[in-house]
Amino acid sequence: MAVDTIVKPTPSKVFPKAGVEAKLRDLLLDAATADAQLKGIALPADKPGKYAASIRLDSLGVVDLLCGLEPVVGFELKEGLVKAGGYKSINDAVGHLMPRIETAWTKHGSAGGKK
């Protein structure tokens, strides 16, 4: 009699950096664009220009955006990742947050899936 073995896929051990960064940039850009429109601020037309544009990103708003990253990383991101006082551009936010998100991802994986 033949016996089939079901093997559960193992979670990736490699941080999904490109996916996390792309989603983070999209979330930050949407928030910055909406804020700029409300305040009548013109942003550059190109994405690199928008990412570098001097636009204040409130820390509480960025904390809210972290929820949008949770499906990508697979766990809840803590508000302590965000710099108090916020950020001066999208690039500033990404540069600060990406290493912290990666560290949280690594710790989460080594914690056996605990939140």
C-alpha atoms as a PDB file:
ATOM      1  CA  MET A   1       0.000   0.000   0.000  1.00  0.00           C
ATOM      2  CA  ALA A   2       1.341   3.438  -0.990  1.00  0.00           C
ATOM      3  CA  VAL A   3       1.506   6.150   1.616  1.00  0.00           C
ATOM      4  CA  ASP A   4       1.396   9.814   0.649  1.00  0.00           C
ATOM      5  CA  THR A   5       3.122  12.331   2.826  1.00  0.00           C
ATOM      6  CA  ILE A   6       1.805  15.839   3.076  1.00  0.00           C
ATOM      7  CA  VAL A   7       4.536  18.368   3.580  1.00  0.00           C
ATOM      8  CA  LYS A   8       3.599  21.773   4.895  1.00  0.00           C
ATOM      9  CA  PRO A   9       5.392  24.597   3.121  1.00  0.00           C
ATOM     10  CA  THR A  10       7.959  26.227   5.349  1.00  0.00           C
ATOM     11  CA  PRO A  11       7.766  29.982   5.728  1.00  0.00           C
ATOM     12  CA  SER A  12      10.409  31.931   3.900  1.00  0.00           C
ATOM     13  CA  LYS A  13      13.475  32.697   5.991  1.00  0.00           C
ATOM     14  CA  VAL A  14      14.409  35.615   3.759  1.00  0.00           C
ATOM     15  CA  PHE A  15      13.010  39.043   4.550  1.00  0.00           C
ATOM     16  CA  PRO A  16      10.768  40.141   1.641  1.00  0.00           C
ATOM     17  CA  LYS A  17      12.578  43.473   1.374  1.00  0.00           C
ATOM     18  CA  ALA A  18      11.440  44.454  -2.122  1.00  0.00           C
ATOM     19  CA  GLY A  19       7.782  43.722  -1.371  1.00  0.00           C
ATOM     20  CA  VAL A  20       7.832  45.500   1.977  1.00  0.00           C
ATOM     21  CA  GLU A  21       9.589  48.558   0.583  1.00  0.00           C
ATOM     22  CA  ALA A  22       7.275  48.788  -2.443  1.00  0.00           C
ATOM     23  CA  LYS A  23       4.169  48.556  -0.243  1.00  0.00           C
ATOM     24  CA  LEU A  24       5.593  51.038   2.287  1.00  0.00           C
ATOM     25  CA  ARG A  25       6.407  53.528  -0.471  1.00  0.00           C
ATOM     26  CA  ASP A  26       2.914  53.140  -1.949  1.00  0.00           C
ATOM     27  CA  LEU A  27       1.244  53.710   1.417  1.00  0.00           C
ATOM     28  CA  LEU A  28       3.423  56.725   2.224  1.00  0.00           C
ATOM     29  CA  LEU A  29       2.954  58.203  -1.244  1.00  0.00           C
ATOM     30  CA  ASP A  30      -0.838  57.892  -1.012  1.00  0.00           C
ATOM     31  CA  ALA A  31      -0.823  59.619   2.378  1.00  0.00           C
ATOM     32  CA  ALA A  32       1.582  62.349   1.254  1.00  0.00           C
ATOM     33  CA  THR A  33      -0.395  62.987  -1.942  1.00  0.00           C
ATOM     34  CA  ALA A  34      -3.679  63.287  -0.045  1.00  0.00           C
ATOM     35  CA  ASP A  35      -2.109  65.637   2.509  1.00  0.00           C
ATOM     36  CA  ALA A  36      -0.492  67.766  -0.204  1.00  0.00           C
ATOM     37  CA  GLN A  37      -3.823  68.094  -2.021  1.00  0.00           C
ATOM     38  CA  LEU A  38      -5.577  69.189   1.170  1.00  0.00           C
ATOM     39  CA  LYS A  39      -2.902  71.793   1.843  1.00  0.00           C
ATOM     40  CA  GLY A  40      -2.629  72.951  -1.775  1.00  0.00           C
ATOM     41  CA  ILE A  41       0.986  71.816  -2.073  1.00  0.00           C
ATOM     42  CA  ALA A  42       2.229  70.824  -5.510  1.00  0.00           C
ATOM     43  CA  LEU A  43       4.342  67.678  -5.541  1.00  0.00           C
ATOM     44  CA  PRO A  44       6.796  66.825  -8.333  1.00  0.00           C
ATOM     45  CA  ALA A  45       5.336  64.840 -11.235  1.00  0.00           C
ATOM     46  CA  ASP A  46       7.777  61.916 -11.074  1.00  0.00           C
ATOM     47  CA  LYS A  47       7.881  59.290  -8.333  1.00  0.00           C
ATOM     48  CA  PRO A  48      11.542  59.826  -7.374  1.00  0.00           C
ATOM     49  CA  GLY A  49      10.778  63.528  -7.002  1.00  0.00           C
ATOM     50  CA  LYS A  50       7.748  62.782  -4.851  1.00  0.00           C
ATOM     51  CA  TYR A  51       9.776  60.413  -2.667  1.00  0.00           C
ATOM     52  CA  ALA A  52      12.409  63.105  -2.078  1.00  0.00           C
ATOM     53  CA  ALA A  53      10.005  66.054  -1.766  1.00  0.00           C
ATOM     54  CA  SER A  54      10.032  67.897   1.519  1.00  0.00           C
ATOM     55  CA  ILE A  55       6.648  66.939   2.952  1.00  0.00           C
ATOM     56  CA  ARG A  56       5.960  66.300   6.598  1.00  0.00           C
ATOM     57  CA  LEU A  57       4.715  62.829   7.458  1.00  0.00           C
ATOM     58  CA  ASP A  58       3.138  62.805  10.904  1.00  0.00           C
ATOM     59  CA  SER A  59       4.272  59.937  13.145  1.00  0.00           C
ATOM     60  CA  LEU A  60       0.694  59.006  14.113  1.00  0.00           C
ATOM     61  CA  GLY A  61      -0.281  58.833  10.453  1.00  0.00           C
ATOM     62  CA  VAL A  62       2.701  56.610   9.701  1.00  0.00           C
ATOM     63  CA  VAL A  63       1.761  54.318  12.613  1.00  0.00           C
ATOM     64  CA  ASP A  64      -1.672  53.907  11.001  1.00  0.00           C
ATOM     65  CA  LEU A  65      -0.025  53.021   7.692  1.00  0.00           C
ATOM     66  CA  LEU A  66       1.901  50.155   9.291  1.00  0.00           C
ATOM     67  CA  CYS A  67      -1.337  48.160   9.346  1.00  0.00           C
ATOM     68  CA  GLY A  68      -1.148  48.062   5.550  1.00  0.00           C
ATOM     69  CA  LEU A  69       2.200  46.272   5.777  1.00  0.00           C
ATOM     70  CA  GLU A  70       0.982  43.517   8.082  1.00  0.00           C
ATOM     71  CA  PRO A  71      -0.301  41.272   5.259  1.00  0.00           C
ATOM     72  CA  VAL A  72       3.144  41.490   3.633  1.00  0.00           C
ATOM     73  CA  VAL A  73       5.179  40.677   6.747  1.00  0.00           C
ATOM     74  CA  GLY A  74       2.645  38.344   8.348  1.00  0.00           C
ATOM     75  CA  PHE A  75       2.484  39.860  11.826  1.00  0.00           C
ATOM     76  CA  GLU A  76       1.538  43.033  13.698  1.00  0.00           C
ATOM     77  CA  LEU A  77       4.082  45.839  13.481  1.00  0.00           C
ATOM     78  CA  LYS A  78       4.487  47.818  16.690  1.00  0.00           C
ATOM     79  CA  GLU A  79       4.127  51.595  16.789  1.00  0.00           C
ATOM     80  CA  GLY A  80       7.565  51.903  18.383  1.00  0.00           C
ATOM     81  CA  LEU A  81       9.109  51.369  14.936  1.00  0.00           C
ATOM     82  CA  VAL A  82       8.043  54.883  13.939  1.00  0.00           C
ATOM     83  CA  LYS A  83      10.225  57.865  14.841  1.00  0.00           C
ATOM     84  CA  ALA A  84       8.560  60.278  17.252  1.00  0.00           C
ATOM     85  CA  GLY A  85       7.939  63.565  15.496  1.00  0.00           C
ATOM     86  CA  GLY A  86       7.514  62.001  12.083  1.00  0.00           C
ATOM     87  CA  TYR A  87       9.517  62.350   8.897  1.00  0.00           C
ATOM     88  CA  LYS A  88      10.471  65.089   6.461  1.00  0.00           C
ATOM     89  CA  SER A  89      10.050  63.007   3.280  1.00  0.00           C
ATOM     90  CA  ILE A  90       9.042  59.593   2.030  1.00  0.00           C
ATOM     91  CA  ASN A  91      12.714  58.689   1.549  1.00  0.00           C
ATOM     92  CA  ASP A  92      13.394  59.738   5.151  1.00  0.00           C
ATOM     93  CA  ALA A  93      10.584  57.480   6.404  1.00  0.00           C
ATOM     94  CA  VAL A  94      11.643  54.515   4.278  1.00  0.00           C
ATOM     95  CA  GLY A  95      15.281  54.885   5.314  1.00  0.00           C
ATOM     96  CA  HIS A  96      14.323  54.882   8.983  1.00  0.00           C
ATOM     97  CA  LEU A  97      11.631  52.208   8.894  1.00  0.00           C
ATOM     98  CA  MET A  98      13.039  49.504   6.620  1.00  0.00           C
ATOM     99  CA  PRO A  99      15.873  48.360   8.932  1.00  0.00           C
ATOM    100  CA  ARG A 100      13.498  48.392  11.895  1.00  0.00           C
ATOM    101  CA  ILE A 101      10.834  46.396  10.047  1.00  0.00           C
ATOM    102  CA  GLU A 102      13.465  43.869   8.983  1.00  0.00           C
ATOM    103  CA  THR A 103      14.690  43.544  12.576  1.00  0.00           C
ATOM    104  CA  ALA A 104      11.106  43.051  13.783  1.00  0.00           C
ATOM    105  CA  TRP A 105      10.565  40.444  11.052  1.00  0.00           C
ATOM    106  CA  THR A 106      13.696  38.567  12.099  1.00  0.00           C
ATOM    107  CA  LYS A 107      12.713  38.666  15.794  1.00  0.00           C
ATOM    108  CA  HIS A 108       9.173  37.560  14.972  1.00  0.00           C
ATOM    109  CA  GLY A 109      10.479  34.545  13.050  1.00  0.00           C
ATOM    110  CA  SER A 110      12.805  33.522  15.850  1.00  0.00           C
ATOM    111  CA  ALA A 111      10.001  33.927  18.390  1.00  0.00           C
ATOM    112  CA  GLY A 112       8.154  30.971  16.863  1.00  0.00           C
ATOM    113  CA  GLY A 113       5.369  32.999  15.331  1.00  0.00           C
ATOM    114  CA  LYS A 114       4.414  34.896  18.485  1.00  0.00           C
ATOM    115  CA  LYS A 115       3.041  38.403  18.113  1.00  0.00           C
END
